[in-house]
Amino acid sequence: VLLDLGLPGEDGFVIARQLREHFHC
């Protein structure tokens, strides 16, 4: 996954943490 941190209304760090906690990629 290529992830941008600056998503309107969303925290990119939270998305990154969810990826690490629930998926392998």
PDBML (XML) file of the C-alpha atoms, coordinates in Angstrom:
<?xml version="1.0" encoding="UTF-8" ?>
<PDBx:datablock datablockName="MODEL"
   xmlns:PDBx="http://pdbml.pdb.org/schema/pdbx-v50.xsd"
   xmlns:xsi="http://www.w3.org/2001/XMLSchema-instance"
   xsi:schemaLocation="http://pdbml.pdb.org/schema/pdbx-v50.xsd pdbx-v50.xsd">
   <PDBx:atom_siteCategory>
      <PDBx:atom_site id="1">
         <PDBx:B_iso_or_equiv>0.00</PDBx:B_iso_or_equiv>
         <PDBx:Cartn_x>0.000</PDBx:Cartn_x>
         <PDBx:Cartn_y>0.000</PDBx:Cartn_y>
         <PDBx:Cartn_z>0.000</PDBx:Cartn_z>
         <PDBx:auth_asym_id>A</PDBx:auth_asym_id>
         <PDBx:auth_atom_id>CA</PDBx:auth_atom_id>
         <PDBx:auth_comp_id>VAL</PDBx:auth_comp_id>
         <PDBx:auth_seq_id>1</PDBx:auth_seq_id>
         <PDBx:group_PDB>ATOM</PDBx:group_PDB>
         <PDBx:label_alt_id xsi:nil="true" />
         <PDBx:label_asym_id>A</PDBx:label_asym_id>
         <PDBx:label_atom_id>CA</PDBx:label_atom_id>
         <PDBx:label_comp_id>VAL</PDBx:label_comp_id>
         <PDBx:label_entity_id>1</PDBx:label_entity_id>
         <PDBx:label_seq_id>1</PDBx:label_seq_id>
         <PDBx:occupancy>1.00</PDBx:occupancy>
         <PDBx:pdbx_PDB_model_num>1</PDBx:pdbx_PDB_model_num>
         <PDBx:type_symbol>C</PDBx:type_symbol>
      </PDBx:atom_site>
      <PDBx:atom_site id="2">
         <PDBx:B_iso_or_equiv>0.00</PDBx:B_iso_or_equiv>
         <PDBx:Cartn_x>1.182</PDBx:Cartn_x>
         <PDBx:Cartn_y>3.505</PDBx:Cartn_y>
         <PDBx:Cartn_z>-0.874</PDBx:Cartn_z>
         <PDBx:auth_asym_id>A</PDBx:auth_asym_id>
         <PDBx:auth_atom_id>CA</PDBx:auth_atom_id>
         <PDBx:auth_comp_id>LEU</PDBx:auth_comp_id>
         <PDBx:auth_seq_id>2</PDBx:auth_seq_id>
         <PDBx:group_PDB>ATOM</PDBx:group_PDB>
         <PDBx:label_alt_id xsi:nil="true" />
         <PDBx:label_asym_id>A</PDBx:label_asym_id>
         <PDBx:label_atom_id>CA</PDBx:label_atom_id>
         <PDBx:label_comp_id>LEU</PDBx:label_comp_id>
         <PDBx:label_entity_id>1</PDBx:label_entity_id>
         <PDBx:label_seq_id>2</PDBx:label_seq_id>
         <PDBx:occupancy>1.00</PDBx:occupancy>
         <PDBx:pdbx_PDB_model_num>1</PDBx:pdbx_PDB_model_num>
         <PDBx:type_symbol>C</PDBx:type_symbol>
      </PDBx:atom_site>
      <PDBx:atom_site id="3">
         <PDBx:B_iso_or_equiv>0.00</PDBx:B_iso_or_equiv>
         <PDBx:Cartn_x>-0.452</PDBx:Cartn_x>
         <PDBx:Cartn_y>5.706</PDBx:Cartn_y>
         <PDBx:Cartn_z>1.765</PDBx:Cartn_z>
         <PDBx:auth_asym_id>A</PDBx:auth_asym_id>
         <PDBx:auth_atom_id>CA</PDBx:auth_atom_id>
         <PDBx:auth_comp_id>LEU</PDBx:auth_comp_id>
         <PDBx:auth_seq_id>3</PDBx:auth_seq_id>
         <PDBx:group_PDB>ATOM</PDBx:group_PDB>
         <PDBx:label_alt_id xsi:nil="true" />
         <PDBx:label_asym_id>A</PDBx:label_asym_id>
         <PDBx:label_atom_id>CA</PDBx:label_atom_id>
         <PDBx:label_comp_id>LEU</PDBx:label_comp_id>
         <PDBx:label_entity_id>1</PDBx:label_entity_id>
         <PDBx:label_seq_id>3</PDBx:label_seq_id>
         <PDBx:occupancy>1.00</PDBx:occupancy>
         <PDBx:pdbx_PDB_model_num>1</PDBx:pdbx_PDB_model_num>
         <PDBx:type_symbol>C</PDBx:type_symbol>
      </PDBx:atom_site>
      <PDBx:atom_site id="4">
         <PDBx:B_iso_or_equiv>0.00</PDBx:B_iso_or_equiv>
         <PDBx:Cartn_x>-0.791</PDBx:Cartn_x>
         <PDBx:Cartn_y>9.484</PDBx:Cartn_y>
         <PDBx:Cartn_z>1.846</PDBx:Cartn_z>
         <PDBx:auth_asym_id>A</PDBx:auth_asym_id>
         <PDBx:auth_atom_id>CA</PDBx:auth_atom_id>
         <PDBx:auth_comp_id>ASP</PDBx:auth_comp_id>
         <PDBx:auth_seq_id>4</PDBx:auth_seq_id>
         <PDBx:group_PDB>ATOM</PDBx:group_PDB>
         <PDBx:label_alt_id xsi:nil="true" />
         <PDBx:label_asym_id>A</PDBx:label_asym_id>
         <PDBx:label_atom_id>CA</PDBx:label_atom_id>
         <PDBx:label_comp_id>ASP</PDBx:label_comp_id>
         <PDBx:label_entity_id>1</PDBx:label_entity_id>
         <PDBx:label_seq_id>4</PDBx:label_seq_id>
         <PDBx:occupancy>1.00</PDBx:occupancy>
         <PDBx:pdbx_PDB_model_num>1</PDBx:pdbx_PDB_model_num>
         <PDBx:type_symbol>C</PDBx:type_symbol>
      </PDBx:atom_site>
      <PDBx:atom_site id="5">
         <PDBx:B_iso_or_equiv>0.00</PDBx:B_iso_or_equiv>
         <PDBx:Cartn_x>-1.101</PDBx:Cartn_x>
         <PDBx:Cartn_y>10.928</PDBx:Cartn_y>
         <PDBx:Cartn_z>5.354</PDBx:Cartn_z>
         <PDBx:auth_asym_id>A</PDBx:auth_asym_id>
         <PDBx:auth_atom_id>CA</PDBx:auth_atom_id>
         <PDBx:auth_comp_id>LEU</PDBx:auth_comp_id>
         <PDBx:auth_seq_id>5</PDBx:auth_seq_id>
         <PDBx:group_PDB>ATOM</PDBx:group_PDB>
         <PDBx:label_alt_id xsi:nil="true" />
         <PDBx:label_asym_id>A</PDBx:label_asym_id>
         <PDBx:label_atom_id>CA</PDBx:label_atom_id>
         <PDBx:label_comp_id>LEU</PDBx:label_comp_id>
         <PDBx:label_entity_id>1</PDBx:label_entity_id>
         <PDBx:label_seq_id>5</PDBx:label_seq_id>
         <PDBx:occupancy>1.00</PDBx:occupancy>
         <PDBx:pdbx_PDB_model_num>1</PDBx:pdbx_PDB_model_num>
         <PDBx:type_symbol>C</PDBx:type_symbol>
      </PDBx:atom_site>
      <PDBx:atom_site id="6">
         <PDBx:B_iso_or_equiv>0.00</PDBx:B_iso_or_equiv>
         <PDBx:Cartn_x>-2.956</PDBx:Cartn_x>
         <PDBx:Cartn_y>14.110</PDBx:Cartn_y>
         <PDBx:Cartn_z>4.365</PDBx:Cartn_z>
         <PDBx:auth_asym_id>A</PDBx:auth_asym_id>
         <PDBx:auth_atom_id>CA</PDBx:auth_atom_id>
         <PDBx:auth_comp_id>GLY</PDBx:auth_comp_id>
         <PDBx:auth_seq_id>6</PDBx:auth_seq_id>
         <PDBx:group_PDB>ATOM</PDBx:group_PDB>
         <PDBx:label_alt_id xsi:nil="true" />
         <PDBx:label_asym_id>A</PDBx:label_asym_id>
         <PDBx:label_atom_id>CA</PDBx:label_atom_id>
         <PDBx:label_comp_id>GLY</PDBx:label_comp_id>
         <PDBx:label_entity_id>1</PDBx:label_entity_id>
         <PDBx:label_seq_id>6</PDBx:label_seq_id>
         <PDBx:occupancy>1.00</PDBx:occupancy>
         <PDBx:pdbx_PDB_model_num>1</PDBx:pdbx_PDB_model_num>
         <PDBx:type_symbol>C</PDBx:type_symbol>
      </PDBx:atom_site>
      <PDBx:atom_site id="7">
         <PDBx:B_iso_or_equiv>0.00</PDBx:B_iso_or_equiv>
         <PDBx:Cartn_x>-6.431</PDBx:Cartn_x>
         <PDBx:Cartn_y>12.754</PDBx:Cartn_y>
         <PDBx:Cartn_z>3.731</PDBx:Cartn_z>
         <PDBx:auth_asym_id>A</PDBx:auth_asym_id>
         <PDBx:auth_atom_id>CA</PDBx:auth_atom_id>
         <PDBx:auth_comp_id>LEU</PDBx:auth_comp_id>
         <PDBx:auth_seq_id>7</PDBx:auth_seq_id>
         <PDBx:group_PDB>ATOM</PDBx:group_PDB>
         <PDBx:label_alt_id xsi:nil="true" />
         <PDBx:label_asym_id>A</PDBx:label_asym_id>
         <PDBx:label_atom_id>CA</PDBx:label_atom_id>
         <PDBx:label_comp_id>LEU</PDBx:label_comp_id>
         <PDBx:label_entity_id>1</PDBx:label_entity_id>
         <PDBx:label_seq_id>7</PDBx:label_seq_id>
         <PDBx:occupancy>1.00</PDBx:occupancy>
         <PDBx:pdbx_PDB_model_num>1</PDBx:pdbx_PDB_model_num>
         <PDBx:type_symbol>C</PDBx:type_symbol>
      </PDBx:atom_site>
      <PDBx:atom_site id="8">
         <PDBx:B_iso_or_equiv>0.00</PDBx:B_iso_or_equiv>
         <PDBx:Cartn_x>-9.294</PDBx:Cartn_x>
         <PDBx:Cartn_y>15.225</PDBx:Cartn_y>
         <PDBx:Cartn_z>4.367</PDBx:Cartn_z>
         <PDBx:auth_asym_id>A</PDBx:auth_asym_id>
         <PDBx:auth_atom_id>CA</PDBx:auth_atom_id>
         <PDBx:auth_comp_id>PRO</PDBx:auth_comp_id>
         <PDBx:auth_seq_id>8</PDBx:auth_seq_id>
         <PDBx:group_PDB>ATOM</PDBx:group_PDB>
         <PDBx:label_alt_id xsi:nil="true" />
         <PDBx:label_asym_id>A</PDBx:label_asym_id>
         <PDBx:label_atom_id>CA</PDBx:label_atom_id>
         <PDBx:label_comp_id>PRO</PDBx:label_comp_id>
         <PDBx:label_entity_id>1</PDBx:label_entity_id>
         <PDBx:label_seq_id>8</PDBx:label_seq_id>
         <PDBx:occupancy>1.00</PDBx:occupancy>
         <PDBx:pdbx_PDB_model_num>1</PDBx:pdbx_PDB_model_num>
         <PDBx:type_symbol>C</PDBx:type_symbol>
      </PDBx:atom_site>
      <PDBx:atom_site id="9">
         <PDBx:B_iso_or_equiv>0.00</PDBx:B_iso_or_equiv>
         <PDBx:Cartn_x>-11.174</PDBx:Cartn_x>
         <PDBx:Cartn_y>14.311</PDBx:Cartn_y>
         <PDBx:Cartn_z>7.515</PDBx:Cartn_z>
         <PDBx:auth_asym_id>A</PDBx:auth_asym_id>
         <PDBx:auth_atom_id>CA</PDBx:auth_atom_id>
         <PDBx:auth_comp_id>GLY</PDBx:auth_comp_id>
         <PDBx:auth_seq_id>9</PDBx:auth_seq_id>
         <PDBx:group_PDB>ATOM</PDBx:group_PDB>
         <PDBx:label_alt_id xsi:nil="true" />
         <PDBx:label_asym_id>A</PDBx:label_asym_id>
         <PDBx:label_atom_id>CA</PDBx:label_atom_id>
         <PDBx:label_comp_id>GLY</PDBx:label_comp_id>
         <PDBx:label_entity_id>1</PDBx:label_entity_id>
         <PDBx:label_seq_id>9</PDBx:label_seq_id>
         <PDBx:occupancy>1.00</PDBx:occupancy>
         <PDBx:pdbx_PDB_model_num>1</PDBx:pdbx_PDB_model_num>
         <PDBx:type_symbol>C</PDBx:type_symbol>
      </PDBx:atom_site>
      <PDBx:atom_site id="10">
         <PDBx:B_iso_or_equiv>0.00</PDBx:B_iso_or_equiv>
         <PDBx:Cartn_x>-9.023</PDBx:Cartn_x>
         <PDBx:Cartn_y>11.224</PDBx:Cartn_y>
         <PDBx:Cartn_z>8.156</PDBx:Cartn_z>
         <PDBx:auth_asym_id>A</PDBx:auth_asym_id>
         <PDBx:auth_atom_id>CA</PDBx:auth_atom_id>
         <PDBx:auth_comp_id>GLU</PDBx:auth_comp_id>
         <PDBx:auth_seq_id>10</PDBx:auth_seq_id>
         <PDBx:group_PDB>ATOM</PDBx:group_PDB>
         <PDBx:label_alt_id xsi:nil="true" />
         <PDBx:label_asym_id>A</PDBx:label_asym_id>
         <PDBx:label_atom_id>CA</PDBx:label_atom_id>
         <PDBx:label_comp_id>GLU</PDBx:label_comp_id>
         <PDBx:label_entity_id>1</PDBx:label_entity_id>
         <PDBx:label_seq_id>10</PDBx:label_seq_id>
         <PDBx:occupancy>1.00</PDBx:occupancy>
         <PDBx:pdbx_PDB_model_num>1</PDBx:pdbx_PDB_model_num>
         <PDBx:type_symbol>C</PDBx:type_symbol>
      </PDBx:atom_site>
      <PDBx:atom_site id="11">
         <PDBx:B_iso_or_equiv>0.00</PDBx:B_iso_or_equiv>
         <PDBx:Cartn_x>-5.849</PDBx:Cartn_x>
         <PDBx:Cartn_y>10.534</PDBx:Cartn_y>
         <PDBx:Cartn_z>10.103</PDBx:Cartn_z>
         <PDBx:auth_asym_id>A</PDBx:auth_asym_id>
         <PDBx:auth_atom_id>CA</PDBx:auth_atom_id>
         <PDBx:auth_comp_id>ASP</PDBx:auth_comp_id>
         <PDBx:auth_seq_id>11</PDBx:auth_seq_id>
         <PDBx:group_PDB>ATOM</PDBx:group_PDB>
         <PDBx:label_alt_id xsi:nil="true" />
         <PDBx:label_asym_id>A</PDBx:label_asym_id>
         <PDBx:label_atom_id>CA</PDBx:label_atom_id>
         <PDBx:label_comp_id>ASP</PDBx:label_comp_id>
         <PDBx:label_entity_id>1</PDBx:label_entity_id>
         <PDBx:label_seq_id>11</PDBx:label_seq_id>
         <PDBx:occupancy>1.00</PDBx:occupancy>
         <PDBx:pdbx_PDB_model_num>1</PDBx:pdbx_PDB_model_num>
         <PDBx:type_symbol>C</PDBx:type_symbol>
      </PDBx:atom_site>
      <PDBx:atom_site id="12">
         <PDBx:B_iso_or_equiv>0.00</PDBx:B_iso_or_equiv>
         <PDBx:Cartn_x>-3.319</PDBx:Cartn_x>
         <PDBx:Cartn_y>8.747</PDBx:Cartn_y>
         <PDBx:Cartn_z>7.904</PDBx:Cartn_z>
         <PDBx:auth_asym_id>A</PDBx:auth_asym_id>
         <PDBx:auth_atom_id>CA</PDBx:auth_atom_id>
         <PDBx:auth_comp_id>GLY</PDBx:auth_comp_id>
         <PDBx:auth_seq_id>12</PDBx:auth_seq_id>
         <PDBx:group_PDB>ATOM</PDBx:group_PDB>
         <PDBx:label_alt_id xsi:nil="true" />
         <PDBx:label_asym_id>A</PDBx:label_asym_id>
         <PDBx:label_atom_id>CA</PDBx:label_atom_id>
         <PDBx:label_comp_id>GLY</PDBx:label_comp_id>
         <PDBx:label_entity_id>1</PDBx:label_entity_id>
         <PDBx:label_seq_id>12</PDBx:label_seq_id>
         <PDBx:occupancy>1.00</PDBx:occupancy>
         <PDBx:pdbx_PDB_model_num>1</PDBx:pdbx_PDB_model_num>
         <PDBx:type_symbol>C</PDBx:type_symbol>
      </PDBx:atom_site>
      <PDBx:atom_site id="13">
         <PDBx:B_iso_or_equiv>0.00</PDBx:B_iso_or_equiv>
         <PDBx:Cartn_x>-1.479</PDBx:Cartn_x>
         <PDBx:Cartn_y>7.459</PDBx:Cartn_y>
         <PDBx:Cartn_z>10.960</PDBx:Cartn_z>
         <PDBx:auth_asym_id>A</PDBx:auth_asym_id>
         <PDBx:auth_atom_id>CA</PDBx:auth_atom_id>
         <PDBx:auth_comp_id>PHE</PDBx:auth_comp_id>
         <PDBx:auth_seq_id>13</PDBx:auth_seq_id>
         <PDBx:group_PDB>ATOM</PDBx:group_PDB>
         <PDBx:label_alt_id xsi:nil="true" />
         <PDBx:label_asym_id>A</PDBx:label_asym_id>
         <PDBx:label_atom_id>CA</PDBx:label_atom_id>
         <PDBx:label_comp_id>PHE</PDBx:label_comp_id>
         <PDBx:label_entity_id>1</PDBx:label_entity_id>
         <PDBx:label_seq_id>13</PDBx:label_seq_id>
         <PDBx:occupancy>1.00</PDBx:occupancy>
         <PDBx:pdbx_PDB_model_num>1</PDBx:pdbx_PDB_model_num>
         <PDBx:type_symbol>C</PDBx:type_symbol>
      </PDBx:atom_site>
      <PDBx:atom_site id="14">
         <PDBx:B_iso_or_equiv>0.00</PDBx:B_iso_or_equiv>
         <PDBx:Cartn_x>-4.668</PDBx:Cartn_x>
         <PDBx:Cartn_y>5.760</PDBx:Cartn_y>
         <PDBx:Cartn_z>12.181</PDBx:Cartn_z>
         <PDBx:auth_asym_id>A</PDBx:auth_asym_id>
         <PDBx:auth_atom_id>CA</PDBx:auth_atom_id>
         <PDBx:auth_comp_id>VAL</PDBx:auth_comp_id>
         <PDBx:auth_seq_id>14</PDBx:auth_seq_id>
         <PDBx:group_PDB>ATOM</PDBx:group_PDB>
         <PDBx:label_alt_id xsi:nil="true" />
         <PDBx:label_asym_id>A</PDBx:label_asym_id>
         <PDBx:label_atom_id>CA</PDBx:label_atom_id>
         <PDBx:label_comp_id>VAL</PDBx:label_comp_id>
         <PDBx:label_entity_id>1</PDBx:label_entity_id>
         <PDBx:label_seq_id>14</PDBx:label_seq_id>
         <PDBx:occupancy>1.00</PDBx:occupancy>
         <PDBx:pdbx_PDB_model_num>1</PDBx:pdbx_PDB_model_num>
         <PDBx:type_symbol>C</PDBx:type_symbol>
      </PDBx:atom_site>
      <PDBx:atom_site id="15">
         <PDBx:B_iso_or_equiv>0.00</PDBx:B_iso_or_equiv>
         <PDBx:Cartn_x>-5.069</PDBx:Cartn_x>
         <PDBx:Cartn_y>4.065</PDBx:Cartn_y>
         <PDBx:Cartn_z>8.798</PDBx:Cartn_z>
         <PDBx:auth_asym_id>A</PDBx:auth_asym_id>
         <PDBx:auth_atom_id>CA</PDBx:auth_atom_id>
         <PDBx:auth_comp_id>ILE</PDBx:auth_comp_id>
         <PDBx:auth_seq_id>15</PDBx:auth_seq_id>
         <PDBx:group_PDB>ATOM</PDBx:group_PDB>
         <PDBx:label_alt_id xsi:nil="true" />
         <PDBx:label_asym_id>A</PDBx:label_asym_id>
         <PDBx:label_atom_id>CA</PDBx:label_atom_id>
         <PDBx:label_comp_id>ILE</PDBx:label_comp_id>
         <PDBx:label_entity_id>1</PDBx:label_entity_id>
         <PDBx:label_seq_id>15</PDBx:label_seq_id>
         <PDBx:occupancy>1.00</PDBx:occupancy>
         <PDBx:pdbx_PDB_model_num>1</PDBx:pdbx_PDB_model_num>
         <PDBx:type_symbol>C</PDBx:type_symbol>
      </PDBx:atom_site>
      <PDBx:atom_site id="16">
         <PDBx:B_iso_or_equiv>0.00</PDBx:B_iso_or_equiv>
         <PDBx:Cartn_x>-1.433</PDBx:Cartn_x>
         <PDBx:Cartn_y>2.928</PDBx:Cartn_y>
         <PDBx:Cartn_z>8.906</PDBx:Cartn_z>
         <PDBx:auth_asym_id>A</PDBx:auth_asym_id>
         <PDBx:auth_atom_id>CA</PDBx:auth_atom_id>
         <PDBx:auth_comp_id>ALA</PDBx:auth_comp_id>
         <PDBx:auth_seq_id>16</PDBx:auth_seq_id>
         <PDBx:group_PDB>ATOM</PDBx:group_PDB>
         <PDBx:label_alt_id xsi:nil="true" />
         <PDBx:label_asym_id>A</PDBx:label_asym_id>
         <PDBx:label_atom_id>CA</PDBx:label_atom_id>
         <PDBx:label_comp_id>ALA</PDBx:label_comp_id>
         <PDBx:label_entity_id>1</PDBx:label_entity_id>
         <PDBx:label_seq_id>16</PDBx:label_seq_id>
         <PDBx:occupancy>1.00</PDBx:occupancy>
         <PDBx:pdbx_PDB_model_num>1</PDBx:pdbx_PDB_model_num>
         <PDBx:type_symbol>C</PDBx:type_symbol>
      </PDBx:atom_site>
      <PDBx:atom_site id="17">
         <PDBx:B_iso_or_equiv>0.00</PDBx:B_iso_or_equiv>
         <PDBx:Cartn_x>-1.949</PDBx:Cartn_x>
         <PDBx:Cartn_y>1.494</PDBx:Cartn_y>
         <PDBx:Cartn_z>12.392</PDBx:Cartn_z>
         <PDBx:auth_asym_id>A</PDBx:auth_asym_id>
         <PDBx:auth_atom_id>CA</PDBx:auth_atom_id>
         <PDBx:auth_comp_id>ARG</PDBx:auth_comp_id>
         <PDBx:auth_seq_id>17</PDBx:auth_seq_id>
         <PDBx:group_PDB>ATOM</PDBx:group_PDB>
         <PDBx:label_alt_id xsi:nil="true" />
         <PDBx:label_asym_id>A</PDBx:label_asym_id>
         <PDBx:label_atom_id>CA</PDBx:label_atom_id>
         <PDBx:label_comp_id>ARG</PDBx:label_comp_id>
         <PDBx:label_entity_id>1</PDBx:label_entity_id>
         <PDBx:label_seq_id>17</PDBx:label_seq_id>
         <PDBx:occupancy>1.00</PDBx:occupancy>
         <PDBx:pdbx_PDB_model_num>1</PDBx:pdbx_PDB_model_num>
         <PDBx:type_symbol>C</PDBx:type_symbol>
      </PDBx:atom_site>
      <PDBx:atom_site id="18">
         <PDBx:B_iso_or_equiv>0.00</PDBx:B_iso_or_equiv>
         <PDBx:Cartn_x>-5.080</PDBx:Cartn_x>
         <PDBx:Cartn_y>-0.378</PDBx:Cartn_y>
         <PDBx:Cartn_z>11.267</PDBx:Cartn_z>
         <PDBx:auth_asym_id>A</PDBx:auth_asym_id>
         <PDBx:auth_atom_id>CA</PDBx:auth_atom_id>
         <PDBx:auth_comp_id>GLN</PDBx:auth_comp_id>
         <PDBx:auth_seq_id>18</PDBx:auth_seq_id>
         <PDBx:group_PDB>ATOM</PDBx:group_PDB>
         <PDBx:label_alt_id xsi:nil="true" />
         <PDBx:label_asym_id>A</PDBx:label_asym_id>
         <PDBx:label_atom_id>CA</PDBx:label_atom_id>
         <PDBx:label_comp_id>GLN</PDBx:label_comp_id>
         <PDBx:label_entity_id>1</PDBx:label_entity_id>
         <PDBx:label_seq_id>18</PDBx:label_seq_id>
         <PDBx:occupancy>1.00</PDBx:occupancy>
         <PDBx:pdbx_PDB_model_num>1</PDBx:pdbx_PDB_model_num>
         <PDBx:type_symbol>C</PDBx:type_symbol>
      </PDBx:atom_site>
      <PDBx:atom_site id="19">
         <PDBx:B_iso_or_equiv>0.00</PDBx:B_iso_or_equiv>
         <PDBx:Cartn_x>-3.153</PDBx:Cartn_x>
         <PDBx:Cartn_y>-1.901</PDBx:Cartn_y>
         <PDBx:Cartn_z>8.368</PDBx:Cartn_z>
         <PDBx:auth_asym_id>A</PDBx:auth_asym_id>
         <PDBx:auth_atom_id>CA</PDBx:auth_atom_id>
         <PDBx:auth_comp_id>LEU</PDBx:auth_comp_id>
         <PDBx:auth_seq_id>19</PDBx:auth_seq_id>
         <PDBx:group_PDB>ATOM</PDBx:group_PDB>
         <PDBx:label_alt_id xsi:nil="true" />
         <PDBx:label_asym_id>A</PDBx:label_asym_id>
         <PDBx:label_atom_id>CA</PDBx:label_atom_id>
         <PDBx:label_comp_id>LEU</PDBx:label_comp_id>
         <PDBx:label_entity_id>1</PDBx:label_entity_id>
         <PDBx:label_seq_id>19</PDBx:label_seq_id>
         <PDBx:occupancy>1.00</PDBx:occupancy>
         <PDBx:pdbx_PDB_model_num>1</PDBx:pdbx_PDB_model_num>
         <PDBx:type_symbol>C</PDBx:type_symbol>
      </PDBx:atom_site>
      <PDBx:atom_site id="20">
         <PDBx:B_iso_or_equiv>0.00</PDBx:B_iso_or_equiv>
         <PDBx:Cartn_x>-0.401</PDBx:Cartn_x>
         <PDBx:Cartn_y>-3.110</PDBx:Cartn_y>
         <PDBx:Cartn_z>10.665</PDBx:Cartn_z>
         <PDBx:auth_asym_id>A</PDBx:auth_asym_id>
         <PDBx:auth_atom_id>CA</PDBx:auth_atom_id>
         <PDBx:auth_comp_id>ARG</PDBx:auth_comp_id>
         <PDBx:auth_seq_id>20</PDBx:auth_seq_id>
         <PDBx:group_PDB>ATOM</PDBx:group_PDB>
         <PDBx:label_alt_id xsi:nil="true" />
         <PDBx:label_asym_id>A</PDBx:label_asym_id>
         <PDBx:label_atom_id>CA</PDBx:label_atom_id>
         <PDBx:label_comp_id>ARG</PDBx:label_comp_id>
         <PDBx:label_entity_id>1</PDBx:label_entity_id>
         <PDBx:label_seq_id>20</PDBx:label_seq_id>
         <PDBx:occupancy>1.00</PDBx:occupancy>
         <PDBx:pdbx_PDB_model_num>1</PDBx:pdbx_PDB_model_num>
         <PDBx:type_symbol>C</PDBx:type_symbol>
      </PDBx:atom_site>
      <PDBx:atom_site id="21">
         <PDBx:B_iso_or_equiv>0.00</PDBx:B_iso_or_equiv>
         <PDBx:Cartn_x>-2.800</PDBx:Cartn_x>
         <PDBx:Cartn_y>-4.517</PDBx:Cartn_y>
         <PDBx:Cartn_z>13.258</PDBx:Cartn_z>
         <PDBx:auth_asym_id>A</PDBx:auth_asym_id>
         <PDBx:auth_atom_id>CA</PDBx:auth_atom_id>
         <PDBx:auth_comp_id>GLU</PDBx:auth_comp_id>
         <PDBx:auth_seq_id>21</PDBx:auth_seq_id>
         <PDBx:group_PDB>ATOM</PDBx:group_PDB>
         <PDBx:label_alt_id xsi:nil="true" />
         <PDBx:label_asym_id>A</PDBx:label_asym_id>
         <PDBx:label_atom_id>CA</PDBx:label_atom_id>
         <PDBx:label_comp_id>GLU</PDBx:label_comp_id>
         <PDBx:label_entity_id>1</PDBx:label_entity_id>
         <PDBx:label_seq_id>21</PDBx:label_seq_id>
         <PDBx:occupancy>1.00</PDBx:occupancy>
         <PDBx:pdbx_PDB_model_num>1</PDBx:pdbx_PDB_model_num>
         <PDBx:type_symbol>C</PDBx:type_symbol>
      </PDBx:atom_site>
      <PDBx:atom_site id="22">
         <PDBx:B_iso_or_equiv>0.00</PDBx:B_iso_or_equiv>
         <PDBx:Cartn_x>-5.142</PDBx:Cartn_x>
         <PDBx:Cartn_y>-6.386</PDBx:Cartn_y>
         <PDBx:Cartn_z>10.918</PDBx:Cartn_z>
         <PDBx:auth_asym_id>A</PDBx:auth_asym_id>
         <PDBx:auth_atom_id>CA</PDBx:auth_atom_id>
         <PDBx:auth_comp_id>HIS</PDBx:auth_comp_id>
         <PDBx:auth_seq_id>22</PDBx:auth_seq_id>
         <PDBx:group_PDB>ATOM</PDBx:group_PDB>
         <PDBx:label_alt_id xsi:nil="true" />
         <PDBx:label_asym_id>A</PDBx:label_asym_id>
         <PDBx:label_atom_id>CA</PDBx:label_atom_id>
         <PDBx:label_comp_id>HIS</PDBx:label_comp_id>
         <PDBx:label_entity_id>1</PDBx:label_entity_id>
         <PDBx:label_seq_id>22</PDBx:label_seq_id>
         <PDBx:occupancy>1.00</PDBx:occupancy>
         <PDBx:pdbx_PDB_model_num>1</PDBx:pdbx_PDB_model_num>
         <PDBx:type_symbol>C</PDBx:type_symbol>
      </PDBx:atom_site>
      <PDBx:atom_site id="23">
         <PDBx:B_iso_or_equiv>0.00</PDBx:B_iso_or_equiv>
         <PDBx:Cartn_x>-3.372</PDBx:Cartn_x>
         <PDBx:Cartn_y>-7.095</PDBx:Cartn_y>
         <PDBx:Cartn_z>7.611</PDBx:Cartn_z>
         <PDBx:auth_asym_id>A</PDBx:auth_asym_id>
         <PDBx:auth_atom_id>CA</PDBx:auth_atom_id>
         <PDBx:auth_comp_id>PHE</PDBx:auth_comp_id>
         <PDBx:auth_seq_id>23</PDBx:auth_seq_id>
         <PDBx:group_PDB>ATOM</PDBx:group_PDB>
         <PDBx:label_alt_id xsi:nil="true" />
         <PDBx:label_asym_id>A</PDBx:label_asym_id>
         <PDBx:label_atom_id>CA</PDBx:label_atom_id>
         <PDBx:label_comp_id>PHE</PDBx:label_comp_id>
         <PDBx:label_entity_id>1</PDBx:label_entity_id>
         <PDBx:label_seq_id>23</PDBx:label_seq_id>
         <PDBx:occupancy>1.00</PDBx:occupancy>
         <PDBx:pdbx_PDB_model_num>1</PDBx:pdbx_PDB_model_num>
         <PDBx:type_symbol>C</PDBx:type_symbol>
      </PDBx:atom_site>
      <PDBx:atom_site id="24">
         <PDBx:B_iso_or_equiv>0.00</PDBx:B_iso_or_equiv>
         <PDBx:Cartn_x>-0.046</PDBx:Cartn_x>
         <PDBx:Cartn_y>-8.338</PDBx:Cartn_y>
         <PDBx:Cartn_z>6.272</PDBx:Cartn_z>
         <PDBx:auth_asym_id>A</PDBx:auth_asym_id>
         <PDBx:auth_atom_id>CA</PDBx:auth_atom_id>
         <PDBx:auth_comp_id>HIS</PDBx:auth_comp_id>
         <PDBx:auth_seq_id>24</PDBx:auth_seq_id>
         <PDBx:group_PDB>ATOM</PDBx:group_PDB>
         <PDBx:label_alt_id xsi:nil="true" />
         <PDBx:label_asym_id>A</PDBx:label_asym_id>
         <PDBx:label_atom_id>CA</PDBx:label_atom_id>
         <PDBx:label_comp_id>HIS</PDBx:label_comp_id>
         <PDBx:label_entity_id>1</PDBx:label_entity_id>
         <PDBx:label_seq_id>24</PDBx:label_seq_id>
         <PDBx:occupancy>1.00</PDBx:occupancy>
         <PDBx:pdbx_PDB_model_num>1</PDBx:pdbx_PDB_model_num>
         <PDBx:type_symbol>C</PDBx:type_symbol>
      </PDBx:atom_site>
      <PDBx:atom_site id="25">
         <PDBx:B_iso_or_equiv>0.00</PDBx:B_iso_or_equiv>
         <PDBx:Cartn_x>1.283</PDBx:Cartn_x>
         <PDBx:Cartn_y>-6.173</PDBx:Cartn_y>
         <PDBx:Cartn_z>3.452</PDBx:Cartn_z>
         <PDBx:auth_asym_id>A</PDBx:auth_asym_id>
         <PDBx:auth_atom_id>CA</PDBx:auth_atom_id>
         <PDBx:auth_comp_id>CYS</PDBx:auth_comp_id>
         <PDBx:auth_seq_id>25</PDBx:auth_seq_id>
         <PDBx:group_PDB>ATOM</PDBx:group_PDB>
         <PDBx:label_alt_id xsi:nil="true" />
         <PDBx:label_asym_id>A</PDBx:label_asym_id>
         <PDBx:label_atom_id>CA</PDBx:label_atom_id>
         <PDBx:label_comp_id>CYS</PDBx:label_comp_id>
         <PDBx:label_entity_id>1</PDBx:label_entity_id>
         <PDBx:label_seq_id>25</PDBx:label_seq_id>
         <PDBx:occupancy>1.00</PDBx:occupancy>
         <PDBx:pdbx_PDB_model_num>1</PDBx:pdbx_PDB_model_num>
         <PDBx:type_symbol>C</PDBx:type_symbol>
      </PDBx:atom_site>
   </PDBx:atom_siteCategory>
</PDBx:datablock>
